[in-house]
Protein backbone atom coordinates (compact mmCIF):
# COMPACT_ATOMS: atom_id res chain seq x y z
CA MET A 1 117.87 104.96 116.07
CA ARG A 2 119.66 102.06 114.40
CA SER A 3 117.01 99.59 115.59
CA GLY A 4 114.25 101.88 114.34
CA THR A 5 115.87 102.10 110.90
CA VAL A 6 116.19 98.33 110.63
CA THR A 7 112.54 97.88 111.65
CA PHE A 8 111.48 100.48 109.10
CA ARG A 9 113.37 98.67 106.34
CA MET A 10 112.05 95.24 107.30
CA VAL A 11 108.42 96.36 107.46
CA THR A 12 108.77 98.24 104.17
CA LEU A 13 110.34 95.21 102.50
CA ALA A 14 107.58 92.97 103.87
CA ASP A 15 104.99 95.35 102.45
CA GLN A 16 106.63 95.30 99.05
CA VAL A 17 106.57 91.50 99.15
CA MET A 18 102.83 91.58 99.85
CA SER A 19 102.25 94.11 97.07
CA SER A 20 104.10 91.96 94.57
CA VAL A 21 102.36 88.78 95.73
CA SER A 22 98.94 90.34 95.09
CA ASN A 23 99.92 91.07 91.50
CA ILE A 24 101.47 87.64 91.05
CA LEU A 25 98.33 85.98 92.39
CA ALA A 26 96.21 87.84 89.86
CA VAL A 27 98.37 86.61 86.99
CA VAL A 28 98.60 83.07 88.38
CA LEU A 29 94.84 82.76 88.94
CA VAL A 30 94.18 83.98 85.40
CA ALA A 31 96.82 81.71 83.86
CA ARG A 32 95.22 78.69 85.55
CA THR A 33 91.88 79.36 83.83
CA LEU A 34 93.07 80.20 80.30
CA SER A 35 94.81 78.46 77.45
CA ALA A 36 98.29 79.60 76.45
CA ASP A 37 96.96 81.75 73.57
CA GLU A 38 94.19 83.27 75.72
CA PHE A 39 96.68 84.06 78.44
CA GLY A 40 98.84 85.81 75.86
CA THR A 41 95.87 88.02 74.98
CA PHE A 42 95.26 88.82 78.65
CA ALA A 43 98.95 89.63 79.06
CA LEU A 44 98.63 92.49 76.58
CA GLY A 45 95.81 94.12 78.56
CA TYR A 46 97.48 93.53 81.91
CA THR A 47 100.70 95.03 80.61
CA MET A 48 98.84 98.25 79.76
CA LEU A 49 97.69 98.43 83.37
CA THR A 50 101.30 98.08 84.51
CA VAL A 51 102.26 100.87 82.11
CA VAL A 52 99.79 103.27 83.73
CA LEU A 53 100.76 102.09 87.22
CA GLY A 54 104.41 102.62 86.37
CA LEU A 55 103.69 106.18 85.24
CA SER A 56 101.74 106.94 88.41
CA ARG A 57 104.39 105.39 90.62
CA SER A 58 107.28 107.12 88.88
CA TYR A 59 105.77 110.62 88.75
CA PHE A 60 103.55 110.83 91.82
CA GLY A 61 105.24 108.14 93.91
CA THR A 62 108.68 109.69 93.37
CA ARG A 63 107.37 113.04 94.62
CA VAL A 64 106.17 111.42 97.83
CA ALA A 65 109.34 109.35 98.34
CA LEU A 66 111.54 112.43 97.95
CA ALA A 67 109.59 114.42 100.55
CA GLY A 68 111.96 116.40 102.78
CA ASP A 69 110.51 115.11 106.06
CA ARG A 70 107.89 112.74 107.41
CA ASP A 71 105.52 115.43 108.64
CA THR A 72 104.78 116.73 105.15
CA ALA A 73 104.24 113.29 103.61
CA PRO A 74 100.50 112.95 104.51
CA GLN A 75 99.69 116.36 103.05
CA VAL A 76 101.62 115.65 99.88
CA THR A 77 99.97 112.23 99.63
CA ALA A 78 96.45 113.70 99.92
CA GLY A 79 97.15 116.14 97.10
CA LEU A 80 98.66 113.48 94.85
CA LEU A 81 95.72 111.16 95.53
CA GLY A 82 93.51 113.96 94.29
CA ALA A 83 95.63 114.27 91.16
CA VAL A 84 95.37 110.52 90.48
CA ALA A 85 91.60 110.66 91.06
CA ILE A 86 91.29 113.45 88.50
CA LEU A 87 93.21 111.40 85.94
CA SER A 88 91.34 108.14 86.68
CA PRO A 89 88.79 108.40 83.81
CA LEU A 90 91.63 109.01 81.37
CA ALA A 91 93.54 106.01 82.74
CA ILE A 92 90.52 103.74 82.28
CA VAL A 93 90.00 104.86 78.69
CA VAL A 94 93.69 104.51 77.79
CA VAL A 95 93.98 100.98 79.19
CA LEU A 96 90.70 99.80 77.69
CA VAL A 97 91.10 101.27 74.21
CA THR A 98 94.76 100.34 73.84
CA SER A 99 94.29 96.78 75.05
CA LEU A 100 91.22 96.27 72.84
CA LEU A 101 93.14 97.47 69.80
CA ALA A 102 96.07 95.20 70.63
CA ALA A 103 94.23 92.10 71.80
CA GLY A 104 90.92 92.30 69.95
CA ALA A 105 87.37 92.44 71.27
CA GLU A 106 86.93 88.73 71.97
CA SER A 107 87.99 89.10 75.61
CA TRP A 108 86.47 92.54 76.16
CA GLN A 109 84.85 91.61 79.50
CA VAL A 110 88.22 90.81 81.04
CA LEU A 111 89.80 93.93 79.58
CA VAL A 112 86.99 96.10 81.01
CA VAL A 113 87.73 94.79 84.50
CA VAL A 114 91.45 95.39 83.99
CA ALA A 115 90.70 98.97 82.93
CA LEU A 116 88.41 99.61 85.92
CA ALA A 117 91.04 98.19 88.27
CA THR A 118 93.72 100.57 86.99
CA PRO A 119 92.82 103.68 89.07
CA VAL A 120 92.22 101.50 92.14
CA VAL A 121 95.71 100.02 91.86
CA CYS A 122 97.25 103.47 91.30
CA LEU A 123 95.47 105.10 94.26
CA GLN A 124 96.39 102.26 96.60
CA ASP A 125 99.99 102.48 95.43
CA ILE A 126 100.20 106.19 96.30
CA VAL A 127 98.86 105.45 99.78
CA ARG A 128 101.68 102.91 100.15
CA PHE A 129 104.32 105.44 99.12
CA GLY A 130 102.83 108.06 101.44
CA SER A 131 102.69 105.83 104.49
CA VAL A 132 106.32 104.76 104.03
CA ALA A 133 107.52 108.35 103.44
CA GLY A 134 105.50 109.38 106.50
CA GLY A 135 107.26 106.83 108.67
CA ARG A 136 104.26 104.48 108.93
CA PRO A 137 105.10 101.51 106.69
CA LEU A 138 102.87 99.25 108.80
CA VAL A 139 99.84 100.92 107.19
CA ALA A 140 101.05 99.83 103.75
CA LEU A 141 101.81 96.32 105.03
CA ILE A 142 98.30 95.87 106.48
CA SER A 143 96.65 97.16 103.29
CA ASP A 144 98.66 94.90 100.99
CA SER A 145 98.36 91.88 103.30
CA LEU A 146 94.59 92.21 103.21
CA TRP A 147 94.70 92.28 99.40
CA VAL A 148 96.81 89.12 99.35
CA ALA A 149 94.59 87.32 101.86
CA ILE A 150 91.47 87.88 99.76
CA MET A 151 93.23 86.93 96.53
CA ALA A 152 94.78 83.80 98.05
CA ALA A 153 91.49 82.49 99.44
CA PRO A 154 90.41 80.71 96.21
CA LEU A 155 93.77 78.94 95.99
CA ILE A 156 93.72 77.91 99.65
CA LEU A 157 90.14 76.68 99.42
CA GLY A 158 90.80 74.90 96.13
CA LEU A 159 88.00 76.74 94.33
CA THR A 160 87.62 76.56 90.57
CA LEU A 161 86.72 80.01 89.28
CA SER A 162 85.88 81.47 85.91
CA ILE A 163 88.04 84.22 84.46
CA ALA A 164 85.31 86.77 85.22
CA GLN A 165 85.17 85.69 88.87
CA VAL A 166 88.95 85.88 89.19
CA MET A 167 89.03 89.41 87.81
CA LEU A 168 86.15 90.57 90.02
CA ILE A 169 87.83 89.15 93.13
CA TRP A 170 91.02 90.98 92.17
CA LEU A 171 89.18 94.26 91.66
CA GLY A 172 87.11 93.90 94.83
CA SER A 173 90.11 93.06 97.01
CA GLY A 174 91.93 96.07 95.60
CA VAL A 175 89.06 98.35 96.58
CA VAL A 176 89.04 96.92 100.11
CA ALA A 177 92.82 97.36 100.42
CA LEU A 178 92.55 100.97 99.22
CA ILE A 179 89.81 101.86 101.70
CA VAL A 180 91.68 100.28 104.62
CA GLY A 181 94.88 102.12 103.66
CA LEU A 182 93.09 105.48 103.49
CA LEU A 183 91.45 104.92 106.88
CA LEU A 184 94.64 103.81 108.64
CA PHE A 185 96.79 106.58 107.16
CA ARG A 186 93.96 109.09 107.76
CA VAL A 187 94.13 110.77 104.39
CA ILE A 188 91.56 111.39 101.70
CA PRO A 189 92.07 112.49 98.09
CA ARG A 190 91.98 116.28 97.90
CA ILE A 191 90.80 117.24 94.45
CA ARG A 192 91.59 120.95 94.75
CA GLU A 193 95.17 120.26 95.85
CA GLY A 194 95.35 117.62 93.14
CA MET A 195 94.75 120.30 90.54
CA VAL A 196 97.64 122.28 92.02
CA GLN A 197 99.90 119.22 91.97
CA LEU A 198 99.12 118.59 88.30
CA ARG A 199 100.24 122.12 87.42
CA GLN A 200 103.55 121.87 89.30
CA ARG A 201 106.78 120.75 87.65
CA HIS A 202 108.98 118.08 89.21
CA ARG A 203 112.01 117.40 87.06
CA VAL A 204 113.20 114.21 88.71
CA GLY A 205 109.67 112.84 88.79
CA GLU A 206 109.24 113.74 85.13
CA ALA A 207 112.55 112.11 84.20
CA VAL A 208 111.69 108.90 86.02
CA THR A 209 108.26 108.96 84.39
CA TYR A 210 109.74 109.32 80.91
CA SER A 211 112.12 106.46 81.66
CA ILE A 212 109.35 104.21 82.97
CA LEU A 213 107.11 105.14 80.04
CA LEU A 214 109.83 104.22 77.56
CA GLY A 215 110.49 100.93 79.32
CA SER A 216 106.85 99.96 79.80
CA LEU A 217 105.74 100.84 76.30
CA SER A 218 108.75 99.13 74.79
CA PHE A 219 107.94 95.95 76.71
CA PHE A 220 104.35 96.22 75.53
CA LEU A 221 105.62 96.53 71.96
CA VAL A 222 107.89 93.53 72.53
CA LEU A 223 104.86 91.47 73.62
CA LEU A 224 102.84 92.74 70.67
CA LEU A 225 105.61 91.94 68.17
CA ALA A 226 106.14 88.50 69.70
CA SER A 227 102.41 87.84 69.56
CA ARG A 228 102.10 88.85 65.92
CA LEU A 229 105.42 87.64 64.49
CA ILE A 230 105.68 84.38 66.48
CA ASP A 231 102.38 83.51 68.20
CA PRO A 232 100.23 84.70 71.15
CA ALA A 233 101.75 82.04 73.39
CA ALA A 234 105.15 83.76 72.95
CA ALA A 235 103.76 86.92 74.55
CA GLY A 236 102.37 84.81 77.38
CA SER A 237 105.77 83.19 77.91
CA LEU A 238 107.52 86.55 78.17
CA ARG A 239 104.88 87.94 80.54
CA GLY A 240 104.88 84.74 82.59
CA ALA A 241 108.66 84.71 82.91
CA SER A 242 108.55 88.25 84.26
CA THR A 243 105.89 87.18 86.74
CA ALA A 244 108.03 84.22 87.85
CA LEU A 245 110.80 86.73 88.60
CA GLY A 246 108.34 88.66 90.76
CA PRO A 247 110.54 88.60 93.90
CA VAL A 248 113.17 90.58 91.99
CA SER A 249 110.59 93.19 91.05
CA VAL A 250 109.86 93.36 94.77
CA LEU A 251 113.45 94.43 95.38
CA TRP A 252 113.33 97.00 92.59
CA SER A 253 110.17 98.57 93.97
CA TYR A 254 111.56 98.40 97.50
CA ALA A 255 114.57 100.40 96.37
CA ALA A 256 112.24 103.15 95.12
CA ILE A 257 109.71 103.17 97.94
CA GLY A 258 111.79 102.16 100.96
CA LEU A 259 115.40 103.17 100.37
CA ILE A 260 114.91 106.55 98.70
CA PRO A 261 113.39 108.25 101.81
CA LEU A 262 116.46 107.13 103.78
CA LEU A 263 119.05 107.93 101.12
CA VAL A 264 117.75 111.39 100.23
CA ARG A 265 118.29 112.67 103.78
CA ARG A 266 121.96 111.59 103.88
CA SER A 267 125.19 113.07 102.58
CA ARG A 268 125.60 112.70 98.81
CA SER A 269 129.16 111.43 99.36
CA LEU A 270 127.63 108.11 100.49
CA ASP A 271 125.63 107.53 97.32
CA LEU A 272 128.19 105.53 95.35
CA ARG A 273 128.89 103.03 98.11
CA PHE A 274 125.20 102.71 98.91
CA CYS A 275 124.28 101.99 95.29
CA ALA A 276 127.11 99.49 94.84
CA LEU A 277 126.09 97.51 97.93
CA THR A 278 122.45 97.64 96.87
CA ALA A 279 123.35 96.28 93.42
CA LEU A 280 125.37 93.41 94.89
CA GLY A 281 122.66 92.50 97.37
CA MET A 282 119.83 92.51 94.83
CA ALA A 283 121.85 90.64 92.22
CA GLY A 284 122.72 87.95 94.76
CA VAL A 285 119.08 87.43 95.69
CA THR A 286 118.14 87.29 92.00
CA ILE A 287 120.72 84.60 91.27
CA ALA A 288 119.48 82.55 94.21
CA TRP A 289 115.83 82.85 93.19
CA GLY A 290 116.68 82.10 89.58
CA ALA A 291 118.46 78.91 90.63
CA ILE A 292 115.34 77.80 92.48
CA LEU A 293 113.14 78.46 89.43
CA LEU A 294 115.43 76.43 87.18
CA VAL A 295 115.06 73.31 89.32
CA VAL A 296 111.33 73.61 90.02
CA PRO A 297 109.55 70.41 88.88
CA SER A 298 107.27 70.79 85.86
CA SER A 299 104.30 69.70 87.97
CA ILE A 300 104.73 72.71 90.26
CA GLY A 301 105.28 75.13 87.40
CA SER A 302 102.21 73.84 85.61
CA ALA A 303 100.17 74.13 88.82
CA PHE A 304 100.86 77.86 88.84
CA PHE A 305 100.93 78.71 85.14
CA GLY A 306 98.99 75.91 83.49
CA GLU A 307 100.03 74.95 79.98
CA SER A 308 101.93 78.24 79.64
CA TRP A 309 104.69 76.86 81.91
CA THR A 310 106.48 75.01 79.11
CA GLY A 311 107.11 78.22 77.19
CA ILE A 312 107.97 80.13 80.34
CA ARG A 313 110.52 77.56 81.46
CA SER A 314 112.24 77.59 78.06
CA ILE A 315 113.27 81.25 78.41
CA LEU A 316 113.92 81.44 82.16
CA PRO A 317 117.76 81.37 81.84
CA TRP A 318 117.64 84.43 79.58
CA THR A 319 115.13 86.25 81.79
CA ILE A 320 117.13 85.52 84.93
CA ALA A 321 120.27 86.97 83.33
CA GLU A 322 118.26 90.03 82.25
CA TYR A 323 117.02 90.59 85.81
CA VAL A 324 120.46 90.13 87.40
CA VAL A 325 121.85 92.91 85.21
CA GLY A 326 118.65 94.88 85.83
CA CYS A 327 119.44 94.91 89.57
CA VAL A 328 122.73 96.62 88.83
CA ALA A 329 120.93 99.25 86.76
CA VAL A 330 118.14 99.87 89.28
CA ALA A 331 120.63 100.52 92.07
CA ALA A 332 122.37 103.24 90.06
CA VAL A 333 119.06 104.88 89.12
CA GLN A 334 118.28 105.46 92.81
CA GLY A 335 121.54 107.38 93.13
CA LEU A 336 120.73 109.48 90.08
CA LYS A 337 117.30 110.29 91.55
CA VAL A 338 118.56 111.71 94.83
CA ARG A 339 121.28 113.67 93.04
CA GLY A 340 118.74 115.33 90.77
CA CYS A 341 120.28 113.87 87.60
CA SER A 342 117.05 113.92 85.64
CA ARG A 343 118.51 114.15 82.15
CA GLN A 344 120.93 111.30 82.71
CA ILE A 345 118.08 108.99 83.73
CA VAL A 346 116.26 109.52 80.45
CA ARG A 347 119.35 109.55 78.23
CA SER A 348 120.52 106.23 79.63
CA LYS A 349 117.16 104.62 78.87
CA VAL A 350 116.89 105.52 75.19
CA PRO A 351 119.59 103.18 73.74
CA SER A 352 118.23 100.17 75.65
CA VAL A 353 114.69 100.85 74.40
CA VAL A 354 115.90 101.03 70.81
CA VAL A 355 117.60 97.66 71.22
CA MET A 356 114.52 96.15 72.89
CA VAL A 357 112.03 97.07 70.19
CA GLY A 358 114.29 97.01 67.14
CA GLY A 359 116.04 93.83 68.19
CA THR A 360 112.76 92.07 68.92
CA ALA A 361 111.36 92.96 65.50
CA ILE A 362 114.47 91.57 63.81
CA VAL A 363 114.93 88.32 65.75
CA ALA A 364 111.20 87.53 65.84
CA ALA A 365 110.95 87.94 62.07
CA VAL A 366 114.19 86.11 61.29
CA TYR A 367 114.27 83.31 63.89
CA GLY A 368 110.64 83.17 65.02
CA THR A 369 111.62 81.92 68.50
CA VAL A 370 110.72 83.35 71.88
CA TRP A 371 114.17 82.62 73.34
CA SER A 372 115.78 84.99 70.83
CA VAL A 373 113.45 87.76 72.03
CA ALA A 374 114.39 87.00 75.64
CA ALA A 375 118.06 87.26 74.67
CA VAL A 376 117.46 90.69 73.15
CA LEU A 377 115.85 91.85 76.41
CA GLY A 378 118.97 90.72 78.25
CA LEU A 379 121.19 92.72 75.90
CA ALA A 380 119.04 95.81 76.41
CA SER A 381 119.41 95.41 80.17
CA ILE A 382 123.21 95.39 79.85
CA ILE A 383 123.14 98.59 77.79
CA LEU A 384 120.97 100.29 80.41
CA ALA A 385 123.23 99.24 83.29
CA VAL A 386 126.32 100.60 81.54
CA GLY A 387 124.54 103.87 80.83
CA VAL A 388 123.23 104.62 84.33
CA TRP A 389 126.43 103.62 86.10
CA SER A 390 128.51 105.73 83.74
CA SER A 391 126.28 108.70 84.54
CA LEU A 392 126.40 108.09 88.29
CA LEU A 393 130.18 107.73 88.33
CA ALA A 394 130.63 110.85 86.21
CA ASP A 395 128.41 112.90 88.53
CA HIS A 396 130.16 111.54 91.61
CA PHE A 397 133.69 112.31 90.43
CA ARG A 398 132.69 115.80 89.30
CA GLY A 399 132.48 116.50 93.01
CA SER A 400 128.73 116.92 93.41
CA GLY A 401 128.69 113.91 95.71
CA LYS A 402 130.50 115.84 98.45
CA GLY A 403 127.48 117.82 99.50
CA LYS A 404 124.45 116.81 101.52
CA ALA A 405 120.87 116.36 100.41
CA PRO A 406 119.46 119.69 99.18
CA ASP A 407 117.10 121.45 101.52
CA ARG A 408 113.49 122.16 100.60
CA ALA A 409 114.01 125.72 99.40
CA GLN A 410 117.00 124.88 97.25
CA SER A 411 115.27 121.90 95.69
CA ALA A 412 112.15 123.87 94.86
CA GLU A 413 114.21 126.60 93.27
CA GLN A 414 116.08 124.13 91.10
CA GLY A 415 112.94 122.16 90.29
CA GLY A 416 114.89 119.12 91.41
CA LEU A 417 114.18 116.73 94.24
CA LEU A 418 111.23 118.51 95.74
CA ALA A 419 108.38 120.30 94.04
């Protein structure tokens, strides 16, 4: 049993690495073909895609991850795939219209491809969550590895591609990865069940969604404010720095997709220790990766990010600090999820969002430097970490951590962990 758990974790972590690498490759390939200002414009559109993906992952992915047992995961996944399929036209319109309004119509071809890719990315992500919750993480690993292999081919072959070609390769490889995942996991989107899923309430999923929405939109506003009050290259630097910290995002996503199915089926008395160890482990990896980024030669950084590397490198110390503290916050959020603390998740997010947006507007207008914006993001991360850990500790010492994971009937009645 112990060996099986370790294998499950390792395969799930490897899949999350592949998933993150595919997204990083898309950004890197685009950055290599655009100027710093053009990349800043692309960053606005790409960020809107991540907003929609974050909403899908937090609401639908959380419902799959918190499934009571592995046998029900494929059925739940099929229904949620149907729900995402129903919402796909809306997702395309939201990403396209919002990014056009923010970035302008000059790069509309690229933004159209980003919009069309949005439902593909969301559907493939739900398949990943379902296969892990169903005890078959190898399906997710194969799907994501295929996506990475196709995306990496131009870099390996040394091909020089246009921005349109890069975006089409990204979209096409995503479609292939989605189809392979559906075939291997043996599920198809069920539209009728998707309608049922859309009508059901899921309080933890809703809370996580609200939190992700606040965070994603606030980061989008930060990029927009930096672009308008400083220059477009500032937005590209902030987006690029986040991409450079991609391995940390891997750990954050792994905590949601790989650790939640294990944690939710254990005694709640173990939550505090589990979250503390998770925070320490992720923070340690972040510090190590950050140290590597700080000593990377400019030639290597420029090879990946083009002329945008100079701006990215200037704010890396601030972004690394932000992500280290973010690891501490993410670990506590997992504990709040399995304990059904939906309100605490949202309440803890609000103060940090206010600091992110308000602070960015102030420092960008007063100082006009991208590093000051990066420093504000770090401060917002500290506020979030304090909030979620305070909530987790309070819930633990109230005694609710002494019980075990709620069963299916109890959870459905409370509208908590399971719909």
